Amino acid sequence: MFASATKEEKEERSAAENIRANAARIKNDANNAAHTIKEDLNDLAHDAGRHVREMAGNVEESFICKIRDNPVQSSLIALGAGVMLGILIRR
């Protein structure tokens, strides 16, 4: 009777140790996956930021070229925008 209880206890301990080992392995795998995802997202954000800066620079260059090519038109547009803003702010 005691021998079978001891055998059952050993099996239970062994099962508990297996569960702990599996849980530790799963936790480690999850941590590794989270770290990899974090690095990938960081790289994507860095690339996106660089792309946005490049696009903003291109837009700025385009505006500057258009203003230099058409200074009178650009001045009139700026004047019209200022007048419209002035009207809206006074209300």
PDB file of N, CA and C in Angstrom:
ATOM      1  N   MET A   1       0.810  -1.186   0.000  1.00  0.00           N
ATOM      2  CA  MET A   1       0.000   0.000   0.000  1.00  0.00           C
ATOM      3  C   MET A   1       0.863   1.264   0.000  1.00  0.00           C
ATOM      4  N   PHE A   2       1.872   1.294   0.870  1.00  0.00           N
ATOM      5  CA  PHE A   2       2.752   2.458   0.909  1.00  0.00           C
ATOM      6  C   PHE A   2       3.627   2.526  -0.333  1.00  0.00           C
ATOM      7  N   ALA A   3       3.984   1.401  -0.877  1.00  0.00           N
ATOM      8  CA  ALA A   3       4.823   1.369  -2.072  1.00  0.00           C
ATOM      9  C   ALA A   3       4.074   1.967  -3.256  1.00  0.00           C
ATOM     10  N   SER A   4       2.793   1.677  -3.395  1.00  0.00           N
ATOM     11  CA  SER A   4       2.034   2.230  -4.510  1.00  0.00           C
ATOM     12  C   SER A   4       1.804   3.726  -4.310  1.00  0.00           C
ATOM     13  N   ALA A   5       1.600   4.168  -3.082  1.00  0.00           N
ATOM     14  CA  ALA A   5       1.422   5.596  -2.818  1.00  0.00           C
ATOM     15  C   ALA A   5       2.713   6.338  -3.141  1.00  0.00           C
ATOM     16  N   THR A   6       3.829   5.763  -2.812  1.00  0.00           N
ATOM     17  CA  THR A   6       5.109   6.384  -3.090  1.00  0.00           C
ATOM     18  C   THR A   6       5.331   6.454  -4.595  1.00  0.00           C
ATOM     19  N   LYS A   7       4.957   5.399  -5.310  1.00  0.00           N
ATOM     20  CA  LYS A   7       5.090   5.398  -6.758  1.00  0.00           C
ATOM     21  C   LYS A   7       4.197   6.471  -7.379  1.00  0.00           C
ATOM     22  N   GLU A   8       2.978   6.615  -6.881  1.00  0.00           N
ATOM     23  CA  GLU A   8       2.059   7.645  -7.373  1.00  0.00           C
ATOM     24  C   GLU A   8       2.594   9.040  -7.076  1.00  0.00           C
ATOM     25  N   GLU A   9       3.170   9.198  -5.889  1.00  0.00           N
ATOM     26  CA  GLU A   9       3.743  10.495  -5.532  1.00  0.00           C
ATOM     27  C   GLU A   9       4.902  10.846  -6.456  1.00  0.00           C
ATOM     28  N   LYS A  10       5.739   9.859  -6.767  1.00  0.00           N
ATOM     29  CA  LYS A  10       6.861  10.088  -7.678  1.00  0.00           C
ATOM     30  C   LYS A  10       6.351  10.481  -9.062  1.00  0.00           C
ATOM     31  N   GLU A  11       5.298   9.804  -9.521  1.00  0.00           N
ATOM     32  CA  GLU A  11       4.727  10.127 -10.824  1.00  0.00           C
ATOM     33  C   GLU A  11       4.145  11.540 -10.833  1.00  0.00           C
ATOM     34  N   GLU A  12       3.480  11.903  -9.716  1.00  0.00           N
ATOM     35  CA  GLU A  12       2.921  13.255  -9.614  1.00  0.00           C
ATOM     36  C   GLU A  12       4.024  14.303  -9.603  1.00  0.00           C
ATOM     37  N   ARG A  13       5.101  14.026  -8.864  1.00  0.00           N
ATOM     38  CA  ARG A  13       6.225  14.965  -8.825  1.00  0.00           C
ATOM     39  C   ARG A  13       6.866  15.097 -10.208  1.00  0.00           C
ATOM     40  N   SER A  14       7.004  13.973 -10.863  1.00  0.00           N
ATOM     41  CA  SER A  14       7.593  13.981 -12.200  1.00  0.00           C
ATOM     42  C   SER A  14       6.708  14.775 -13.172  1.00  0.00           C
ATOM     43  N   ALA A  15       5.406  14.580 -13.081  1.00  0.00           N
ATOM     44  CA  ALA A  15       4.475  15.322 -13.939  1.00  0.00           C
ATOM     45  C   ALA A  15       4.548  16.809 -13.632  1.00  0.00           C
ATOM     46  N   ALA A  16       4.628  17.153 -12.343  1.00  0.00           N
ATOM     47  CA  ALA A  16       4.725  18.564 -11.952  1.00  0.00           C
ATOM     48  C   ALA A  16       6.026  19.174 -12.478  1.00  0.00           C
ATOM     49  N   GLU A  17       7.119  18.423 -12.397  1.00  0.00           N
ATOM     50  CA  GLU A  17       8.397  18.925 -12.913  1.00  0.00           C
ATOM     51  C   GLU A  17       8.331  19.115 -14.430  1.00  0.00           C
ATOM     52  N   ASN A  18       7.668  18.190 -15.119  1.00  0.00           N
ATOM     53  CA  ASN A  18       7.508  18.325 -16.573  1.00  0.00           C
ATOM     54  C   ASN A  18       6.686  19.559 -16.919  1.00  0.00           C
ATOM     55  N   ILE A  19       5.636  19.792 -16.145  1.00  0.00           N
ATOM     56  CA  ILE A  19       4.795  20.971 -16.367  1.00  0.00           C
ATOM     57  C   ILE A  19       5.606  22.243 -16.137  1.00  0.00           C
ATOM     58  N   ARG A  20       6.400  22.276 -15.062  1.00  0.00           N
ATOM     59  CA  ARG A  20       7.235  23.453 -14.784  1.00  0.00           C
ATOM     60  C   ARG A  20       8.248  23.673 -15.905  1.00  0.00           C
ATOM     61  N   ALA A  21       8.866  22.582 -16.361  1.00  0.00           N
ATOM     62  CA  ALA A  21       9.854  22.699 -17.443  1.00  0.00           C
ATOM     63  C   ALA A  21       9.194  23.197 -18.725  1.00  0.00           C
ATOM     64  N   ASN A  22       8.028  22.661 -19.033  1.00  0.00           N
ATOM     65  CA  ASN A  22       7.300  23.105 -20.225  1.00  0.00           C
ATOM     66  C   ASN A  22       6.893  24.571 -20.111  1.00  0.00           C
ATOM     67  N   ALA A  23       6.439  24.967 -18.925  1.00  0.00           N
ATOM     68  CA  ALA A  23       6.043  26.361 -18.704  1.00  0.00           C
ATOM     69  C   ALA A  23       7.244  27.288 -18.857  1.00  0.00           C
ATOM     70  N   ALA A  24       8.387  26.881 -18.331  1.00  0.00           N
ATOM     71  CA  ALA A  24       9.595  27.694 -18.459  1.00  0.00           C
ATOM     72  C   ALA A  24      10.021  27.793 -19.921  1.00  0.00           C
ATOM     73  N   ARG A  25       9.913  26.699 -20.658  1.00  0.00           N
ATOM     74  CA  ARG A  25      10.275  26.702 -22.072  1.00  0.00           C
ATOM     75  C   ARG A  25       9.320  27.605 -22.872  1.00  0.00           C
ATOM     76  N   ILE A  26       8.033  27.519 -22.566  1.00  0.00           N
ATOM     77  CA  ILE A  26       7.040  28.364 -23.241  1.00  0.00           C
ATOM     78  C   ILE A  26       7.296  29.840 -22.927  1.00  0.00           C
ATOM     79  N   LYS A  27       7.605  30.128 -21.669  1.00  0.00           N
ATOM     80  CA  LYS A  27       7.901  31.508 -21.274  1.00  0.00           C
ATOM     81  C   LYS A  27       9.130  32.020 -22.027  1.00  0.00           C
ATOM     82  N   ASN A  28      10.147  31.200 -22.124  1.00  0.00           N
ATOM     83  CA  ASN A  28      11.364  31.588 -22.835  1.00  0.00           C
ATOM     84  C   ASN A  28      11.068  31.821 -24.313  1.00  0.00           C
ATOM     85  N   ASP A  29      10.291  30.931 -24.917  1.00  0.00           N
ATOM     86  CA  ASP A  29       9.919  31.092 -26.330  1.00  0.00           C
ATOM     87  C   ASP A  29       9.119  32.375 -26.543  1.00  0.00           C
ATOM     88  N   ALA A  30       8.197  32.663 -25.625  1.00  0.00           N
ATOM     89  CA  ALA A  30       7.388  33.881 -25.730  1.00  0.00           C
ATOM     90  C   ALA A  30       8.270  35.120 -25.596  1.00  0.00           C
ATOM     91  N   ASN A  31       9.220  35.089 -24.673  1.00  0.00           N
ATOM     92  CA  ASN A  31      10.130  36.225 -24.509  1.00  0.00           C
ATOM     93  C   ASN A  31      10.970  36.433 -25.765  1.00  0.00           C
ATOM     94  N   ASN A  32      11.456  35.343 -26.337  1.00  0.00           N
ATOM     95  CA  ASN A  32      12.248  35.446 -27.561  1.00  0.00           C
ATOM     96  C   ASN A  32      11.413  36.004 -28.711  1.00  0.00           C
ATOM     97  N   ALA A  33      10.174  35.523 -28.833  1.00  0.00           N
ATOM     98  CA  ALA A  33       9.285  36.014 -29.893  1.00  0.00           C
ATOM     99  C   ALA A  33       8.994  37.496 -29.699  1.00  0.00           C
ATOM    100  N   ALA A  34       8.734  37.902 -28.467  1.00  0.00           N
ATOM    101  CA  ALA A  34       8.449  39.310 -28.182  1.00  0.00           C
ATOM    102  C   ALA A  34       9.664  40.178 -28.513  1.00  0.00           C
ATOM    103  N   HIS A  35      10.850  39.699 -28.190  1.00  0.00           N
ATOM    104  CA  HIS A  35      12.074  40.447 -28.486  1.00  0.00           C
ATOM    105  C   HIS A  35      12.259  40.591 -29.994  1.00  0.00           C
ATOM    106  N   THR A  36      12.012  39.519 -30.725  1.00  0.00           N
ATOM    107  CA  THR A  36      12.133  39.554 -32.186  1.00  0.00           C
ATOM    108  C   THR A  36      11.122  40.516 -32.784  1.00  0.00           C
ATOM    109  N   ILE A  37       9.886  40.465 -32.308  1.00  0.00           N
ATOM    110  CA  ILE A  37       8.845  41.372 -32.803  1.00  0.00           C
ATOM    111  C   ILE A  37       9.221  42.818 -32.497  1.00  0.00           C
ATOM    112  N   LYS A  38       9.740  43.056 -31.306  1.00  0.00           N
ATOM    113  CA  LYS A  38      10.148  44.412 -30.926  1.00  0.00           C
ATOM    114  C   LYS A  38      11.230  44.930 -31.865  1.00  0.00           C
ATOM    115  N   GLU A  39      12.219  44.087 -32.166  1.00  0.00           N
ATOM    116  CA  GLU A  39      13.286  44.503 -33.074  1.00  0.00           C
ATOM    117  C   GLU A  39      12.743  44.769 -34.478  1.00  0.00           C
ATOM    118  N   ASP A  40      11.844  43.903 -34.950  1.00  0.00           N
ATOM    119  CA  ASP A  40      11.260  44.087 -36.283  1.00  0.00           C
ATOM    120  C   ASP A  40      10.456  45.381 -36.349  1.00  0.00           C
ATOM    121  N   LEU A  41       9.657  45.656 -35.324  1.00  0.00           N
ATOM    122  CA  LEU A  41       8.863  46.887 -35.302  1.00  0.00           C
ATOM    123  C   LEU A  41       9.757  48.124 -35.221  1.00  0.00           C
ATOM    124  N   ASN A  42      10.830  48.015 -34.470  1.00  0.00           N
ATOM    125  CA  ASN A  42      11.771  49.125 -34.359  1.00  0.00           C
ATOM    126  C   ASN A  42      12.397  49.411 -35.722  1.00  0.00           C
ATOM    127  N   ASP A  43      12.790  48.354 -36.432  1.00  0.00           N
ATOM    128  CA  ASP A  43      13.353  48.528 -37.772  1.00  0.00           C
ATOM    129  C   ASP A  43      12.330  49.148 -38.722  1.00  0.00           C
ATOM    130  N   LEU A  44      11.089  48.656 -38.660  1.00  0.00           N
ATOM    131  CA  LEU A  44      10.046  49.201 -39.532  1.00  0.00           C
ATOM    132  C   LEU A  44       9.795  50.678 -39.234  1.00  0.00           C
ATOM    133  N   ALA A  45       9.744  51.036 -37.954  1.00  0.00           N
ATOM    134  CA  ALA A  45       9.509  52.426 -37.574  1.00  0.00           C
ATOM    135  C   ALA A  45      10.663  53.306 -38.047  1.00  0.00           C
ATOM    136  N   HIS A  46      11.883  52.807 -37.914  1.00  0.00           N
ATOM    137  CA  HIS A  46      13.050  53.566 -38.365  1.00  0.00           C
ATOM    138  C   HIS A  46      12.987  53.786 -39.877  1.00  0.00           C
ATOM    139  N   ASP A  47      12.677  52.722 -40.613  1.00  0.00           N
ATOM    140  CA  ASP A  47      12.569  52.833 -42.073  1.00  0.00           C
ATOM    141  C   ASP A  47      11.438  53.785 -42.478  1.00  0.00           C
ATOM    142  N   ALA A  48      10.304  53.690 -41.792  1.00  0.00           N
ATOM    143  CA  ALA A  48       9.167  54.568 -42.100  1.00  0.00           C
ATOM    144  C   ALA A  48       9.530  56.025 -41.819  1.00  0.00           C
ATOM    145  N   GLY A  49      10.214  56.272 -40.718  1.00  0.00           N
ATOM    146  CA  GLY A  49      10.633  57.633 -40.389  1.00  0.00           C
ATOM    147  C   GLY A  49      11.577  58.198 -41.439  1.00  0.00           C
ATOM    148  N   ARG A  50      12.523  57.376 -41.889  1.00  0.00           N
ATOM    149  CA  ARG A  50      13.452  57.814 -42.923  1.00  0.00           C
ATOM    150  C   ARG A  50      12.702  58.112 -44.224  1.00  0.00           C
ATOM    151  N   HIS A  51      11.750  57.256 -44.554  1.00  0.00           N
ATOM    152  CA  HIS A  51      10.958  57.451 -45.777  1.00  0.00           C
ATOM    153  C   HIS A  51      10.141  58.748 -45.706  1.00  0.00           C
ATOM    154  N   VAL A  52       9.526  59.002 -44.555  1.00  0.00           N
ATOM    155  CA  VAL A  52       8.729  60.230 -44.385  1.00  0.00           C
ATOM    156  C   VAL A  52       9.627  61.458 -44.492  1.00  0.00           C
ATOM    157  N   ARG A  53      10.820  61.400 -43.894  1.00  0.00           N
ATOM    158  CA  ARG A  53      11.735  62.546 -43.986  1.00  0.00           C
ATOM    159  C   ARG A  53      12.148  62.793 -45.438  1.00  0.00           C
ATOM    160  N   GLU A  54      12.402  61.705 -46.181  1.00  0.00           N
ATOM    161  CA  GLU A  54      12.762  61.854 -47.588  1.00  0.00           C
ATOM    162  C   GLU A  54      11.606  62.478 -48.377  1.00  0.00           C
ATOM    163  N   MET A  55      10.392  61.994 -48.122  1.00  0.00           N
ATOM    164  CA  MET A  55       9.227  62.532 -48.831  1.00  0.00           C
ATOM    165  C   MET A  55       9.011  64.000 -48.488  1.00  0.00           C
ATOM    166  N   ALA A  56       9.170  64.341 -47.213  1.00  0.00           N
ATOM    167  CA  ALA A  56       8.994  65.738 -46.799  1.00  0.00           C
ATOM    168  C   ALA A  56      10.030  66.622 -47.477  1.00  0.00           C
ATOM    169  N   GLY A  57      11.244  66.118 -47.582  1.00  0.00           N
ATOM    170  CA  GLY A  57      12.287  66.882 -48.272  1.00  0.00           C
ATOM    171  C   GLY A  57      11.951  67.079 -49.743  1.00  0.00           C
ATOM    172  N   ASN A  58      11.403  66.036 -50.373  1.00  0.00           N
ATOM    173  CA  ASN A  58      11.011  66.150 -51.786  1.00  0.00           C
ATOM    174  C   ASN A  58       9.878  67.146 -51.974  1.00  0.00           C
ATOM    175  N   VAL A  59       8.904  67.110 -51.061  1.00  0.00           N
ATOM    176  CA  VAL A  59       7.779  68.055 -51.148  1.00  0.00           C
ATOM    177  C   VAL A  59       8.283  69.476 -50.953  1.00  0.00           C
ATOM    178  N   GLU A  60       9.185  69.658 -50.002  1.00  0.00           N
ATOM    179  CA  GLU A  60       9.735  70.988 -49.747  1.00  0.00           C
ATOM    180  C   GLU A  60      10.480  71.506 -50.980  1.00  0.00           C
ATOM    181  N   GLU A  61      11.286  70.642 -51.579  1.00  0.00           N
ATOM    182  CA  GLU A  61      12.018  71.044 -52.784  1.00  0.00           C
ATOM    183  C   GLU A  61      11.055  71.401 -53.918  1.00  0.00           C
ATOM    184  N   SER A  62       9.986  70.626 -54.029  1.00  0.00           N
ATOM    185  CA  SER A  62       8.999  70.888 -55.076  1.00  0.00           C
ATOM    186  C   SER A  62       8.337  72.244 -54.871  1.00  0.00           C
ATOM    187  N   PHE A  63       7.951  72.545 -53.626  1.00  0.00           N
ATOM    188  CA  PHE A  63       7.330  73.841 -53.334  1.00  0.00           C
ATOM    189  C   PHE A  63       8.293  74.987 -53.631  1.00  0.00           C
ATOM    190  N   ILE A  64       9.531  74.820 -53.230  1.00  0.00           N
ATOM    191  CA  ILE A  64      10.515  75.882 -53.446  1.00  0.00           C
ATOM    192  C   ILE A  64      10.698  76.127 -54.946  1.00  0.00           C
ATOM    193  N   CYS A  65      10.772  75.046 -55.725  1.00  0.00           N
ATOM    194  CA  CYS A  65      10.915  75.191 -57.183  1.00  0.00           C
ATOM    195  C   CYS A  65       9.709  75.897 -57.785  1.00  0.00           C
ATOM    196  N   LYS A  66       8.508  75.535 -57.337  1.00  0.00           N
ATOM    197  CA  LYS A  66       7.297  76.167 -57.878  1.00  0.00           C
ATOM    198  C   LYS A  66       7.234  77.641 -57.492  1.00  0.00           C
ATOM    199  N   ILE A  67       7.656  77.952 -56.285  1.00  0.00           N
ATOM    200  CA  ILE A  67       7.650  79.358 -55.850  1.00  0.00           C
ATOM    201  C   ILE A  67       8.660  80.156 -56.660  1.00  0.00           C
ATOM    202  N   ARG A  68       9.835  79.576 -56.904  1.00  0.00           N
ATOM    203  CA  ARG A  68      10.849  80.279 -57.692  1.00  0.00           C
ATOM    204  C   ARG A  68      10.412  80.434 -59.151  1.00  0.00           C
ATOM    205  N   ASP A  69       9.742  79.418 -59.673  1.00  0.00           N
ATOM    206  CA  ASP A  69       9.298  79.483 -61.071  1.00  0.00           C
ATOM    207  C   ASP A  69       8.148  80.472 -61.262  1.00  0.00           C
ATOM    208  N   ASN A  70       7.271  80.615 -60.253  1.00  0.00           N
ATOM    209  CA  ASN A  70       6.081  81.482 -60.354  1.00  0.00           C
ATOM    210  C   ASN A  70       5.975  82.375 -59.117  1.00  0.00           C
ATOM    211  N   PRO A  71       6.857  83.363 -58.972  1.00  0.00           N
ATOM    212  CA  PRO A  71       6.835  84.173 -57.747  1.00  0.00           C
ATOM    213  C   PRO A  71       5.575  85.026 -57.601  1.00  0.00           C
ATOM    214  N   VAL A  72       5.051  85.561 -58.689  1.00  0.00           N
ATOM    215  CA  VAL A  72       3.858  86.412 -58.607  1.00  0.00           C
ATOM    216  C   VAL A  72       2.659  85.559 -58.199  1.00  0.00           C
ATOM    217  N   GLN A  73       2.486  84.433 -58.862  1.00  0.00           N
ATOM    218  CA  GLN A  73       1.368  83.543 -58.534  1.00  0.00           C
ATOM    219  C   GLN A  73       1.468  83.077 -57.082  1.00  0.00           C
ATOM    220  N   SER A  74       2.665  82.727 -56.645  1.00  0.00           N
ATOM    221  CA  SER A  74       2.857  82.268 -55.267  1.00  0.00           C
ATOM    222  C   SER A  74       2.506  83.372 -54.273  1.00  0.00           C
ATOM    223  N   SER A  75       2.919  84.598 -54.581  1.00  0.00           N
ATOM    224  CA  SER A  75       2.608  85.719 -53.686  1.00  0.00           C
ATOM    225  C   SER A  75       1.110  85.966 -53.614  1.00  0.00           C
ATOM    226  N   LEU A  76       0.423  85.881 -54.753  1.00  0.00           N
ATOM    227  CA  LEU A  76      -1.022  86.093 -54.758  1.00  0.00           C
ATOM    228  C   LEU A  76      -1.754  84.987 -53.989  1.00  0.00           C
ATOM    229  N   ILE A  77      -1.285  83.772 -54.135  1.00  0.00           N
ATOM    230  CA  ILE A  77      -1.895  82.653 -53.381  1.00  0.00           C
ATOM    231  C   ILE A  77      -1.695  82.868 -51.889  1.00  0.00           C
ATOM    232  N   ALA A  78      -0.481  83.260 -51.490  1.00  0.00           N
ATOM    233  CA  ALA A  78      -0.208  83.509 -50.071  1.00  0.00           C
ATOM    234  C   ALA A  78      -1.069  84.665 -49.553  1.00  0.00           C
ATOM    235  N   LEU A  79      -1.210  85.713 -50.362  1.00  0.00           N
ATOM    236  CA  LEU A  79      -2.051  86.842 -49.969  1.00  0.00           C
ATOM    237  C   LEU A  79      -3.498  86.397 -49.803  1.00  0.00           C
ATOM    238  N   GLY A  80      -4.011  85.616 -50.747  1.00  0.00           N
ATOM    239  CA  GLY A  80      -5.387  85.122 -50.663  1.00  0.00           C
ATOM    240  C   GLY A  80      -5.596  84.237 -49.440  1.00  0.00           C
ATOM    241  N   ALA A  81      -4.620  83.383 -49.153  1.00  0.00           N
ATOM    242  CA  ALA A  81      -4.738  82.522 -47.976  1.00  0.00           C
ATOM    243  C   ALA A  81      -4.736  83.365 -46.699  1.00  0.00           C
ATOM    244  N   GLY A  82      -3.905  84.398 -46.673  1.00  0.00           N
ATOM    245  CA  GLY A  82      -3.861  85.280 -45.508  1.00  0.00           C
ATOM    246  C   GLY A  82      -5.164  86.020 -45.304  1.00  0.00           C
ATOM    247  N   VAL A  83      -5.740  86.492 -46.376  1.00  0.00           N
ATOM    248  CA  VAL A  83      -7.027  87.198 -46.291  1.00  0.00           C
ATOM    249  C   VAL A  83      -8.108  86.253 -45.769  1.00  0.00           C
ATOM    250  N   MET A  84      -8.149  85.047 -46.318  1.00  0.00           N
ATOM    251  CA  MET A  84      -9.156  84.064 -45.876  1.00  0.00           C
ATOM    252  C   MET A  84      -8.978  83.731 -44.392  1.00  0.00           C
ATOM    253  N   LEU A  85      -7.734  83.531 -43.967  1.00  0.00           N
ATOM    254  CA  LEU A  85      -7.495  83.257 -42.541  1.00  0.00           C
ATOM    255  C   LEU A  85      -7.911  84.445 -41.676  1.00  0.00           C
ATOM    256  N   GLY A  86      -7.611  85.658 -42.136  1.00  0.00           N
ATOM    257  CA  GLY A  86      -8.003  86.859 -41.400  1.00  0.00           C
ATOM    258  C   GLY A  86      -9.515  86.942 -41.248  1.00  0.00           C
ATOM    259  N   ILE A  87     -10.228  86.636 -42.318  1.00  0.00           N
ATOM    260  CA  ILE A  87     -11.701  86.666 -42.259  1.00  0.00           C
ATOM    261  C   ILE A  87     -12.215  85.622 -41.284  1.00  0.00           C
ATOM    262  N   LEU A  88     -11.658  84.419 -41.350  1.00  0.00           N
ATOM    263  CA  LEU A  88     -12.100  83.348 -40.458  1.00  0.00           C
ATOM    264  C   LEU A  88     -11.790  83.644 -38.988  1.00  0.00           C
ATOM    265  N   ILE A  89     -10.643  84.255 -38.752  1.00  0.00           N
ATOM    266  CA  ILE A  89     -10.260  84.547 -37.359  1.00  0.00           C
ATOM    267  C   ILE A  89     -11.124  85.658 -36.767  1.00  0.00           C
ATOM    268  N   ARG A  90     -11.508  86.635 -37.564  1.00  0.00           N
ATOM    269  CA  ARG A  90     -12.331  87.743 -37.067  1.00  0.00           C
ATOM    270  C   ARG A  90     -13.716  87.291 -36.643  1.00  0.00           C
ATOM    271  N   ARG A  91     -14.204  86.220 -37.225  1.00  0.00           N
ATOM    272  CA  ARG A  91     -15.556  85.752 -36.904  1.00  0.00           C
ATOM    273  C   ARG A  91     -15.567  85.197 -35.572  1.00  0.00           C
TER     274      ARG A  91
END
